[in-house]
Amino acid sequence: MLTTLLLIPLIGAIALSCWPGLSAKQARNGALVSSGAALLWTVWLFTRFDLSFGGFQFHEFLPWLPALGLNYELSLDGLSLLMVALNSLLTSIAIWSSSPQLERPRLFYSLLLVVSAGVAGAFVAQNLMLFFLLYEIELVPLYLLIAIWGGEKRAYAATKFLLYTALSGALMLAGFLGTVWLSGAEDFTYHAVMGHELPMVWQTVLLGLLLVAFGIKIPLVPFHTWLPDTYVAANTPVAMMLGGVLAKLGTYGLLRFGLGLFPDAWVQFSPYLAGWAAVSVLYGAVTAIAQKDIKRMVAYSSIGHMGYVLLGGAAMTDLALTGALSQMVSHGIILAILFHLVGVIEAKVGTRDLDVLNGLMNPIRGLPMVSALLVLGGMASAGIPGLVGFVTEFLVFQGSYAVYPVQTLLGVIGTGLTAVYFVILLNRTCFGRLDNAIAYFPKVTFSEKLPAYVLAGLILFLGIQPNWLVKWGEPTASVMVAAIPVVLDQVVADEAIEDLPGEVAPDQVIPFPVATLPPLP
């Protein structure tokens, strides 16, 4: 069942690339059929998924190169299921959002489907080397998608993306190889590696490699410098895939392999990870405020919002980790609608400059519906109650405050700063008097607005009915937290001993659990 997730887009990519004489419209329709079939298959997986079990399901195994410890092994849990669904949804929306006048359409859609297949495979891979191979598959297609169909400075942005991602892959490979060799595991299977405990010093070194590797992919400060150039240079469909899906490979890798394989070291690192998350949140928000290009502003906002995922992972409570898993989906949906609307504005108005844009909410000569949807996307990103952004961030804050109150409060401040830069964006873009020199803009067709309608509907529905999102990741979050409760409780208890006045004997202090928040209904 999981192999089909990879085969559908791969078969579509091969068919498009080998079918001669296809027009741009035919190639787009063929890609939509392929991505739509993958989306329907993902929906079917939801109907077959057992919510009462938080472990891995739909296991597939095929010997590949057993002498090297490399086997074709797939499986998914709640974390993987949410990421696979996000990938399938945004791939279809990205293809629909592409321009009808796209040059070399067969190559473009083939590369986009290959990226989707590689990402889906990485999310369900249960062999470390298989994950690495699928993680790297998307590198060359994305480089070509940016370098060929990108905008200004696309060659520079594509090269920068290639170098940073290659470095990320090299560090991750070193971490995986070191993990297997030092642990003495018989192969690279995820569960086989989990069954071998490493000394703390090696856990620290290996976790450090993975933190940098996946920190580049997310990206987090200070490994973020490739992000604004790449997101701005990429065209709208590719930017939606980069921010909405590809960045989640980083957070997925941190939670799956960092927290999953090195729980002892993760606990020791967790205060610093929470601080790292707070710095990324504040940096992303403050930097976004200073931008004049609305696409670059949205790109910097992504850095801050991905910090909430790291904060939830660092706290390691059921509620915080559930919020982190949900935040990954929420961020992908919100970022996709913002990039799509920014692309529509640029196509109709001809600029992304905040100093030039004005009055787009004008009901006669402006872009009123696009502006209204942009307001909704900005409100969701700022965490306004009733929208999906509020639900996921609140879960992270509620779950992390008991463990790291200072870092959580800094994250809350970051949410306030998010509201500041989106108020600036919306005030300058949507409101005010429309410049008479540019008078009328081309009308936005229903087809151009449809992706935003779908994403806006999800933002509203999941904001009002959050359990439809939260329930899929909650059992998996509980399983991940259950693997480290004793270690986590002891660390917090040790901190409590240091805070007590005077000399207190260790046997006078009873370790207490921190994950005592009530379960989600």
Protein backbone atom coordinates (compact mmCIF):
# COMPACT_ATOMS: atom_id res chain seq x y z
CA MET A 1 0.00 0.00 0.00
CA LEU A 2 2.86 2.38 0.73
CA THR A 3 4.87 1.54 -2.37
CA THR A 4 1.89 2.78 -4.38
CA LEU A 5 2.50 6.25 -2.93
CA LEU A 6 5.87 6.27 -4.67
CA LEU A 7 4.81 4.49 -7.85
CA ILE A 8 1.87 6.75 -8.78
CA PRO A 9 3.90 9.99 -9.15
CA LEU A 10 6.90 8.12 -10.61
CA ILE A 11 4.77 6.50 -13.30
CA GLY A 12 3.21 9.88 -14.00
CA ALA A 13 6.66 11.48 -14.33
CA ILE A 14 7.87 8.76 -16.71
CA ALA A 15 4.71 8.97 -18.81
CA LEU A 16 4.97 12.76 -19.16
CA SER A 17 8.65 12.71 -20.03
CA CYS A 18 8.26 9.94 -22.65
CA TRP A 19 5.03 11.12 -24.27
CA PRO A 20 5.96 13.34 -27.23
CA GLY A 21 3.96 16.25 -28.52
CA LEU A 22 2.10 17.12 -25.32
CA SER A 23 0.91 20.71 -25.04
CA ALA A 24 1.32 22.66 -21.82
CA LYS A 25 -2.34 22.09 -20.96
CA GLN A 26 -2.16 18.36 -21.63
CA ALA A 27 1.01 17.99 -19.57
CA ARG A 28 -0.60 19.89 -16.70
CA ASN A 29 -3.72 17.73 -16.85
CA GLY A 30 -1.63 14.57 -16.89
CA ALA A 31 0.32 15.74 -13.85
CA LEU A 32 -2.95 16.59 -12.09
CA VAL A 33 -4.28 13.10 -12.75
CA SER A 34 -1.14 11.56 -11.26
CA SER A 35 -1.02 13.82 -8.20
CA GLY A 36 -4.78 13.52 -7.72
CA ALA A 37 -4.53 9.71 -7.74
CA ALA A 38 -1.80 9.89 -5.09
CA LEU A 39 -3.99 12.20 -3.01
CA LEU A 40 -6.95 9.82 -3.24
CA TRP A 41 -4.69 6.92 -2.26
CA THR A 42 -3.57 8.92 0.79
CA VAL A 43 -7.18 9.52 1.76
CA TRP A 44 -7.77 5.78 1.53
CA LEU A 45 -4.81 5.21 3.88
CA PHE A 46 -6.52 7.45 6.43
CA THR A 47 -9.57 5.19 6.33
CA ARG A 48 -7.39 2.14 7.00
CA PHE A 49 -5.23 3.70 9.71
CA ASP A 50 -5.77 2.33 13.24
CA LEU A 51 -5.98 5.29 15.65
CA SER A 52 -5.87 3.03 18.70
CA PHE A 53 -2.29 2.05 17.87
CA GLY A 54 0.48 4.64 17.99
CA GLY A 55 3.20 2.50 16.42
CA PHE A 56 4.05 1.74 12.80
CA GLN A 57 1.48 0.24 10.45
CA PHE A 58 1.27 -1.05 6.83
CA HIS A 59 4.73 -2.61 7.06
CA GLU A 60 6.45 -3.58 3.79
CA PHE A 61 9.80 -5.36 3.55
CA LEU A 62 11.89 -6.49 0.60
CA PRO A 63 15.58 -7.54 0.77
CA TRP A 64 17.63 -5.23 -1.41
CA LEU A 65 21.34 -5.25 -0.56
CA PRO A 66 21.38 -7.18 2.71
CA ALA A 67 25.19 -7.50 2.67
CA LEU A 68 25.32 -3.72 3.04
CA GLY A 69 22.44 -3.60 5.52
CA LEU A 70 20.25 -1.84 2.96
CA ASN A 71 16.70 -3.17 2.61
CA TYR A 72 13.55 -1.75 1.08
CA GLU A 73 11.44 -1.29 4.20
CA LEU A 74 8.44 1.01 4.50
CA SER A 75 5.99 1.73 7.28
CA LEU A 76 4.12 4.69 8.72
CA ASP A 77 2.75 6.01 11.98
CA GLY A 78 0.79 9.15 12.79
CA LEU A 79 3.76 11.44 12.11
CA SER A 80 4.44 9.85 8.71
CA LEU A 81 0.75 9.81 7.79
CA LEU A 82 0.35 13.55 8.39
CA MET A 83 3.45 14.34 6.35
CA VAL A 84 2.42 12.07 3.48
CA ALA A 85 -0.99 13.75 3.40
CA LEU A 86 0.59 17.22 3.36
CA ASN A 87 2.89 16.20 0.52
CA SER A 88 0.08 14.74 -1.60
CA LEU A 89 -2.18 17.76 -1.04
CA LEU A 90 0.41 20.43 -1.78
CA THR A 91 1.75 18.59 -4.83
CA SER A 92 -1.71 18.71 -6.41
CA ILE A 93 -2.19 22.36 -5.46
CA ALA A 94 1.28 23.32 -6.72
CA ILE A 95 0.58 21.71 -10.11
CA TRP A 96 -2.80 23.47 -10.34
CA SER A 97 -1.11 26.80 -9.46
CA SER A 98 1.38 26.58 -12.31
CA SER A 99 1.16 29.02 -15.20
CA PRO A 100 -0.64 27.87 -18.39
CA GLN A 101 2.15 29.55 -20.39
CA LEU A 102 4.84 27.51 -18.67
CA GLU A 103 7.84 26.74 -20.86
CA ARG A 104 9.04 23.13 -21.18
CA PRO A 105 5.99 21.86 -19.30
CA ARG A 106 6.71 18.13 -19.65
CA LEU A 107 10.07 18.50 -17.92
CA PHE A 108 8.67 20.80 -15.25
CA TYR A 109 5.82 18.52 -14.20
CA SER A 110 7.99 15.40 -14.43
CA LEU A 111 10.54 16.91 -12.05
CA LEU A 112 7.81 18.05 -9.67
CA LEU A 113 6.32 14.54 -9.54
CA VAL A 114 9.77 13.01 -8.93
CA VAL A 115 10.23 15.39 -5.99
CA SER A 116 6.84 14.37 -4.62
CA ALA A 117 7.67 10.67 -4.93
CA GLY A 118 11.03 11.09 -3.19
CA VAL A 119 9.52 13.06 -0.33
CA ALA A 120 6.70 10.56 0.17
CA GLY A 121 9.22 7.72 0.22
CA ALA A 122 11.41 9.49 2.77
CA PHE A 123 8.45 9.95 5.12
CA VAL A 124 7.68 6.21 5.16
CA ALA A 125 11.22 4.78 4.92
CA GLN A 126 12.19 2.54 7.83
CA ASN A 127 15.80 1.98 6.79
CA LEU A 128 18.28 4.75 7.54
CA MET A 129 20.13 4.41 4.24
CA LEU A 130 16.87 4.21 2.30
CA PHE A 131 15.78 7.45 3.98
CA PHE A 132 19.09 9.04 3.01
CA LEU A 133 18.73 7.97 -0.63
CA LEU A 134 15.18 9.26 -0.89
CA TYR A 135 16.18 12.43 0.99
CA GLU A 136 18.81 13.09 -1.67
CA ILE A 137 16.65 12.19 -4.67
CA GLU A 138 14.88 15.55 -4.55
CA LEU A 139 18.14 17.52 -4.68
CA VAL A 140 18.80 17.52 -8.43
CA PRO A 141 15.14 17.95 -9.55
CA LEU A 142 14.71 20.92 -7.23
CA TYR A 143 17.96 22.46 -8.43
CA LEU A 144 16.68 22.25 -12.00
CA LEU A 145 13.23 23.56 -11.05
CA ILE A 146 14.81 26.64 -9.48
CA ALA A 147 17.57 27.19 -12.05
CA ILE A 148 15.35 26.82 -15.15
CA TRP A 149 11.97 28.26 -14.09
CA GLY A 150 13.05 30.60 -11.31
CA GLY A 151 13.06 34.37 -11.37
CA GLU A 152 15.81 36.90 -10.81
CA LYS A 153 19.12 35.46 -9.49
CA ARG A 154 17.82 31.93 -10.00
CA ALA A 155 21.25 30.50 -10.84
CA TYR A 156 22.76 31.91 -7.64
CA ALA A 157 19.82 30.72 -5.53
CA ALA A 158 19.81 27.24 -7.07
CA THR A 159 23.55 26.81 -6.52
CA LYS A 160 23.27 27.99 -2.93
CA PHE A 161 20.42 25.58 -2.33
CA LEU A 162 22.41 22.74 -3.87
CA LEU A 163 25.49 23.39 -1.71
CA TYR A 164 23.59 23.72 1.55
CA THR A 165 21.44 20.65 0.90
CA ALA A 166 24.47 18.59 -0.14
CA LEU A 167 26.19 19.56 3.11
CA SER A 168 23.06 18.58 5.01
CA GLY A 169 23.04 15.19 3.32
CA ALA A 170 26.74 14.60 4.00
CA LEU A 171 26.35 15.33 7.72
CA MET A 172 23.27 13.13 7.93
CA LEU A 173 25.08 10.27 6.17
CA ALA A 174 27.99 10.57 8.61
CA GLY A 175 25.55 10.49 11.52
CA PHE A 176 23.74 7.41 10.19
CA LEU A 177 26.93 5.50 9.41
CA GLY A 178 28.40 6.33 12.80
CA THR A 179 25.20 5.26 14.53
CA VAL A 180 25.18 1.82 12.92
CA TRP A 181 28.91 1.16 13.19
CA LEU A 182 29.24 2.27 16.81
CA SER A 183 26.08 0.53 17.96
CA GLY A 184 26.98 -2.76 16.32
CA ALA A 185 23.56 -3.06 14.69
CA GLU A 186 23.32 -5.76 12.03
CA ASP A 187 21.80 -3.43 9.43
CA PHE A 188 20.41 0.08 8.90
CA THR A 189 16.85 -0.81 9.88
CA TYR A 190 15.37 1.86 12.15
CA HIS A 191 14.15 -0.56 14.83
CA ALA A 192 17.42 -2.54 14.75
CA VAL A 193 19.39 0.62 15.48
CA MET A 194 16.95 1.64 18.24
CA GLY A 195 17.62 -1.67 20.00
CA HIS A 196 21.29 -0.80 20.63
CA GLU A 197 22.18 1.75 23.28
CA LEU A 198 25.25 3.91 22.74
CA PRO A 199 27.45 5.60 25.37
CA MET A 200 26.43 9.18 26.08
CA VAL A 201 29.55 10.66 24.50
CA TRP A 202 28.79 9.02 21.14
CA GLN A 203 25.11 9.89 21.38
CA THR A 204 26.12 13.52 21.88
CA VAL A 205 28.42 13.56 18.85
CA LEU A 206 25.98 11.78 16.55
CA LEU A 207 23.00 13.84 17.66
CA GLY A 208 25.06 16.98 17.06
CA LEU A 209 25.66 15.89 13.45
CA LEU A 210 21.95 15.28 12.88
CA LEU A 211 20.97 18.57 14.51
CA VAL A 212 23.15 20.51 12.09
CA ALA A 213 22.08 18.38 9.12
CA PHE A 214 18.37 18.77 9.71
CA GLY A 215 18.80 22.32 11.03
CA ILE A 216 20.05 23.25 7.55
CA LYS A 217 17.06 21.60 5.91
CA ILE A 218 14.38 23.23 8.11
CA PRO A 219 16.19 25.76 8.25
CA LEU A 220 16.95 27.19 11.68
CA VAL A 221 19.20 30.11 12.58
CA PRO A 222 22.11 30.36 11.71
CA PHE A 223 21.78 27.81 8.88
CA HIS A 224 18.97 29.73 7.19
CA THR A 225 20.82 31.97 4.74
CA TRP A 226 19.91 29.84 1.71
CA LEU A 227 16.17 30.10 2.42
CA PRO A 228 15.21 33.69 1.51
CA ASP A 229 17.22 33.67 -1.74
CA THR A 230 15.83 30.28 -2.80
CA TYR A 231 12.20 30.94 -1.88
CA VAL A 232 12.22 34.32 -3.61
CA ALA A 233 13.90 33.03 -6.77
CA ALA A 234 11.64 29.97 -7.12
CA ASN A 235 8.37 30.30 -9.01
CA THR A 236 5.11 29.91 -7.09
CA PRO A 237 4.58 26.11 -7.37
CA VAL A 238 8.19 25.36 -6.42
CA ALA A 239 8.13 27.84 -3.53
CA MET A 240 4.98 26.14 -2.22
CA MET A 241 6.72 22.76 -2.33
CA LEU A 242 9.92 24.10 -0.77
CA GLY A 243 8.27 25.79 2.17
CA GLY A 244 5.21 23.61 2.56
CA VAL A 245 6.75 20.15 2.17
CA LEU A 246 10.54 20.03 1.78
CA ALA A 247 11.23 21.93 5.00
CA LYS A 248 9.24 19.26 6.86
CA LEU A 249 11.90 16.70 5.98
CA GLY A 250 14.09 18.59 8.45
CA THR A 251 11.63 18.63 11.34
CA TYR A 252 10.58 15.05 10.56
CA GLY A 253 14.22 13.97 10.67
CA LEU A 254 14.83 15.73 13.98
CA LEU A 255 11.88 14.05 15.66
CA ARG A 256 12.20 10.64 14.02
CA PHE A 257 15.97 10.17 14.20
CA GLY A 258 17.18 12.75 16.72
CA LEU A 259 14.59 12.15 19.41
CA GLY A 260 13.90 8.56 18.35
CA LEU A 261 17.46 7.22 18.21
CA PHE A 262 19.18 9.31 20.89
CA PRO A 263 16.63 9.98 23.66
CA ASP A 264 19.23 10.29 26.42
CA ALA A 265 21.30 12.85 24.52
CA TRP A 266 18.13 14.62 23.36
CA VAL A 267 17.14 15.16 26.99
CA GLN A 268 20.55 16.64 27.75
CA PHE A 269 20.31 18.88 24.68
CA SER A 270 16.68 19.84 25.25
CA PRO A 271 17.26 23.12 27.19
CA TYR A 272 19.56 24.32 24.41
CA LEU A 273 17.11 23.14 21.73
CA ALA A 274 14.33 25.12 23.39
CA GLY A 275 16.58 28.18 23.43
CA TRP A 276 17.49 27.58 19.79
CA ALA A 277 13.81 27.43 18.95
CA ALA A 278 13.12 30.72 20.74
CA VAL A 279 15.99 32.44 18.92
CA SER A 280 14.72 31.20 15.54
CA VAL A 281 11.18 32.35 16.30
CA LEU A 282 12.27 35.84 17.32
CA TYR A 283 14.84 36.21 14.55
CA GLY A 284 12.40 35.15 11.85
CA ALA A 285 9.74 37.57 13.10
CA VAL A 286 12.03 40.57 13.56
CA THR A 287 13.71 40.05 10.18
CA ALA A 288 10.35 39.70 8.44
CA ILE A 289 9.28 43.09 9.81
CA ALA A 290 12.20 44.75 8.02
CA GLN A 291 11.41 43.34 4.55
CA LYS A 292 10.01 45.33 1.63
CA ASP A 293 9.44 42.34 -0.68
CA ILE A 294 6.29 40.51 0.43
CA LYS A 295 7.59 37.15 -0.82
CA ARG A 296 10.79 37.58 1.17
CA MET A 297 8.69 38.57 4.18
CA VAL A 298 6.70 35.33 3.93
CA ALA A 299 9.97 33.40 3.52
CA TYR A 300 11.41 34.81 6.74
CA SER A 301 8.15 34.11 8.55
CA SER A 302 8.72 30.43 7.78
CA ILE A 303 11.90 30.41 9.87
CA GLY A 304 10.02 31.61 12.93
CA HIS A 305 7.11 29.22 12.61
CA MET A 306 9.34 26.18 12.19
CA GLY A 307 10.91 27.12 15.51
CA TYR A 308 7.63 26.17 17.22
CA VAL A 309 8.09 22.58 16.04
CA LEU A 310 11.53 22.45 17.64
CA LEU A 311 10.14 23.96 20.85
CA GLY A 312 7.49 21.25 21.06
CA GLY A 313 10.06 18.55 20.40
CA ALA A 314 12.39 19.94 23.05
CA ALA A 315 9.65 19.97 25.71
CA MET A 316 8.88 16.26 25.16
CA THR A 317 5.44 16.27 26.76
CA ASP A 318 2.48 14.58 25.09
CA LEU A 319 0.73 17.88 24.49
CA ALA A 320 3.80 19.73 23.20
CA LEU A 321 4.81 16.96 20.83
CA THR A 322 1.25 16.59 19.56
CA GLY A 323 1.27 20.33 18.90
CA ALA A 324 4.61 20.05 17.09
CA LEU A 325 3.26 17.37 14.74
CA SER A 326 0.13 19.42 14.07
CA GLN A 327 2.18 22.60 13.59
CA MET A 328 4.06 20.97 10.73
CA VAL A 329 0.80 20.49 8.84
CA SER A 330 -0.57 23.89 9.82
CA HIS A 331 2.59 25.67 8.71
CA GLY A 332 2.57 23.88 5.36
CA ILE A 333 -1.03 24.85 4.61
CA ILE A 334 -0.64 28.48 5.69
CA LEU A 335 2.65 28.99 3.86
CA ALA A 336 1.19 27.46 0.70
CA ILE A 337 -1.77 29.85 0.61
CA LEU A 338 0.48 32.85 1.26
CA PHE A 339 2.94 31.93 -1.50
CA HIS A 340 0.08 31.25 -3.91
CA LEU A 341 -1.55 34.62 -3.23
CA VAL A 342 1.76 36.46 -3.47
CA GLY A 343 2.27 34.79 -6.85
CA VAL A 344 -1.18 35.91 -8.03
CA ILE A 345 -0.50 39.49 -6.90
CA GLU A 346 2.85 39.55 -8.68
CA ALA A 347 1.30 38.17 -11.88
CA LYS A 348 -1.57 40.70 -11.91
CA VAL A 349 0.14 43.81 -10.50
CA GLY A 350 3.70 43.20 -11.67
CA THR A 351 5.47 43.88 -8.38
CA ARG A 352 6.00 42.54 -4.85
CA ASP A 353 7.32 45.82 -3.43
CA LEU A 354 5.46 47.05 -0.34
CA ASP A 355 6.32 50.63 -1.21
CA VAL A 356 4.47 50.28 -4.53
CA LEU A 357 1.52 48.05 -3.67
CA ASN A 358 -1.55 49.76 -2.28
CA GLY A 359 -5.33 49.59 -2.32
CA LEU A 360 -5.76 46.03 -3.62
CA MET A 361 -8.92 45.66 -1.55
CA ASN A 362 -10.65 48.12 -3.91
CA PRO A 363 -13.83 46.26 -4.94
CA ILE A 364 -13.94 47.67 -8.47
CA ARG A 365 -10.39 48.19 -9.69
CA GLY A 366 -8.40 46.06 -7.27
CA LEU A 367 -8.12 42.40 -6.32
CA PRO A 368 -10.72 42.20 -3.53
CA MET A 369 -11.05 38.42 -3.19
CA VAL A 370 -7.29 37.86 -3.32
CA SER A 371 -6.90 40.54 -0.66
CA ALA A 372 -9.56 38.94 1.53
CA LEU A 373 -7.84 35.55 1.28
CA LEU A 374 -4.51 37.20 2.06
CA VAL A 375 -6.03 38.69 5.21
CA LEU A 376 -7.22 35.21 6.21
CA GLY A 377 -3.78 33.71 5.60
CA GLY A 378 -2.09 36.46 7.59
CA MET A 379 -4.51 36.01 10.48
CA ALA A 380 -3.90 32.25 10.49
CA SER A 381 -0.14 32.77 10.53
CA ALA A 382 -0.49 35.25 13.39
CA GLY A 383 -2.39 32.66 15.44
CA ILE A 384 -5.83 34.28 15.54
CA PRO A 385 -8.34 32.04 17.41
CA GLY A 386 -10.69 30.07 15.19
CA LEU A 387 -7.99 29.35 12.61
CA VAL A 388 -5.65 26.38 12.45
CA GLY A 389 -2.53 28.40 13.31
CA PHE A 390 -3.91 29.24 16.75
CA VAL A 391 -4.73 25.62 17.63
CA THR A 392 -1.32 24.17 16.84
CA GLU A 393 0.69 26.95 18.46
CA PHE A 394 -1.49 26.86 21.58
CA LEU A 395 -0.87 23.12 21.95
CA VAL A 396 2.89 23.69 21.76
CA PHE A 397 2.79 26.53 24.29
CA GLN A 398 0.47 24.70 26.66
CA GLY A 399 2.65 21.59 26.57
CA SER A 400 6.05 23.31 26.77
CA TYR A 401 5.35 25.96 29.42
CA ALA A 402 5.55 23.44 32.28
CA VAL A 403 9.06 22.44 31.17
CA TYR A 404 10.57 25.60 29.64
CA PRO A 405 8.52 28.63 30.70
CA VAL A 406 11.03 31.30 29.61
CA GLN A 407 11.53 29.87 26.12
CA THR A 408 7.77 29.42 25.78
CA LEU A 409 7.11 33.03 26.70
CA LEU A 410 9.67 34.11 24.11
CA GLY A 411 7.76 32.02 21.58
CA VAL A 412 4.54 33.78 22.57
CA ILE A 413 6.29 37.11 21.99
CA GLY A 414 7.26 35.82 18.55
CA THR A 415 3.58 35.23 17.84
CA GLY A 416 2.89 38.86 18.69
CA LEU A 417 5.67 39.98 16.36
CA THR A 418 4.14 37.81 13.64
CA ALA A 419 0.97 39.85 13.96
CA VAL A 420 3.07 43.02 13.59
CA TYR A 421 4.64 42.17 10.25
CA PHE A 422 1.42 40.79 8.81
CA VAL A 423 -0.41 43.97 9.84
CA ILE A 424 2.30 45.90 8.00
CA LEU A 425 1.92 43.68 4.93
CA LEU A 426 -1.87 43.81 4.87
CA ASN A 427 -2.10 47.52 5.63
CA ARG A 428 0.26 48.49 2.83
CA THR A 429 -0.94 45.93 0.30
CA CYS A 430 -4.68 45.70 0.73
CA PHE A 431 -5.78 49.05 2.13
CA GLY A 432 -5.36 52.69 1.22
CA ARG A 433 -6.13 54.42 -2.07
CA LEU A 434 -5.37 52.60 -5.30
CA ASP A 435 -2.81 54.39 -7.44
CA ASN A 436 -4.65 55.90 -10.42
CA ALA A 437 -1.54 55.52 -12.56
CA ILE A 438 -2.01 51.76 -12.64
CA ALA A 439 -5.80 51.96 -12.40
CA TYR A 440 -7.18 48.54 -13.36
CA PHE A 441 -5.67 45.09 -12.89
CA PRO A 442 -6.48 41.95 -14.90
CA LYS A 443 -9.26 39.93 -13.32
CA VAL A 444 -8.35 36.85 -11.32
CA THR A 445 -10.09 33.80 -12.73
CA PHE A 446 -11.82 31.16 -10.64
CA SER A 447 -9.15 28.64 -11.62
CA GLU A 448 -6.46 30.95 -10.22
CA LYS A 449 -8.36 31.39 -6.96
CA LEU A 450 -9.35 27.74 -6.50
CA PRO A 451 -6.12 26.63 -4.71
CA ALA A 452 -6.54 29.47 -2.23
CA TYR A 453 -10.20 28.52 -1.68
CA VAL A 454 -9.20 24.92 -0.87
CA LEU A 455 -6.43 25.97 1.52
CA ALA A 456 -8.62 28.63 3.14
CA GLY A 457 -11.34 26.03 3.69
CA LEU A 458 -8.82 23.77 5.45
CA ILE A 459 -7.56 26.65 7.59
CA LEU A 460 -11.09 27.42 8.74
CA PHE A 461 -12.29 23.84 9.15
CA LEU A 462 -9.24 22.62 11.08
CA GLY A 463 -9.36 25.76 13.20
CA ILE A 464 -12.95 25.07 14.21
CA GLN A 465 -12.59 21.27 14.36
CA PRO A 466 -8.93 20.78 15.37
CA ASN A 467 -9.46 17.19 16.46
CA TRP A 468 -9.63 16.21 12.77
CA LEU A 469 -5.95 17.18 12.62
CA VAL A 470 -4.73 16.46 16.15
CA LYS A 471 -6.11 12.94 16.56
CA TRP A 472 -3.84 11.43 13.90
CA GLY A 473 -0.60 12.46 15.58
CA GLU A 474 -1.60 12.17 19.24
CA PRO A 475 -1.08 8.36 19.61
CA THR A 476 2.34 8.58 17.97
CA ALA A 477 3.32 11.51 20.20
CA SER A 478 2.38 9.46 23.25
CA VAL A 479 4.51 6.54 22.07
CA MET A 480 7.51 8.80 21.43
CA VAL A 481 7.21 10.43 24.86
CA ALA A 482 6.73 7.07 26.59
CA ALA A 483 10.22 6.04 25.46
CA ILE A 484 11.89 8.71 27.62
CA PRO A 485 9.73 9.45 30.72
CA VAL A 486 12.19 8.24 33.36
CA VAL A 487 15.10 10.19 31.93
CA LEU A 488 13.03 13.33 31.47
CA ASP A 489 11.56 13.18 34.97
CA GLN A 490 14.98 12.79 36.52
CA VAL A 491 16.40 15.78 34.64
CA VAL A 492 13.54 18.01 35.80
CA ALA A 493 13.88 16.66 39.35
CA ASP A 494 17.59 17.48 39.34
CA GLU A 495 16.75 21.04 38.30
CA ALA A 496 14.22 21.21 41.13
CA ILE A 497 16.88 20.10 43.63
CA GLU A 498 19.15 22.94 42.52
CA ASP A 499 16.32 25.44 43.03
CA LEU A 500 15.53 24.35 46.61
CA PRO A 501 16.96 26.59 49.36
CA GLY A 502 19.71 25.26 51.63
CA GLU A 503 21.19 21.79 51.74
CA VAL A 504 18.72 19.09 50.79
CA ALA A 505 19.59 15.42 50.71
CA PRO A 506 18.80 13.74 47.38
CA ASP A 507 16.61 11.14 49.10
CA GLN A 508 14.40 13.93 50.43
CA VAL A 509 13.28 14.91 46.92
CA ILE A 510 10.82 12.71 45.04
CA PRO A 511 11.22 12.89 41.22
CA PHE A 512 8.01 14.15 39.68
CA PRO A 513 6.72 13.77 36.11
CA VAL A 514 6.37 16.84 33.94
CA ALA A 515 3.96 15.36 31.39
CA THR A 516 0.96 15.71 33.68
CA LEU A 517 -1.22 17.86 31.43
CA PRO A 518 -4.65 16.37 30.73
CA PRO A 519 -4.98 14.38 27.50
CA LEU A 520 -6.72 15.90 24.51
CA PRO A 521 -10.44 15.06 24.29
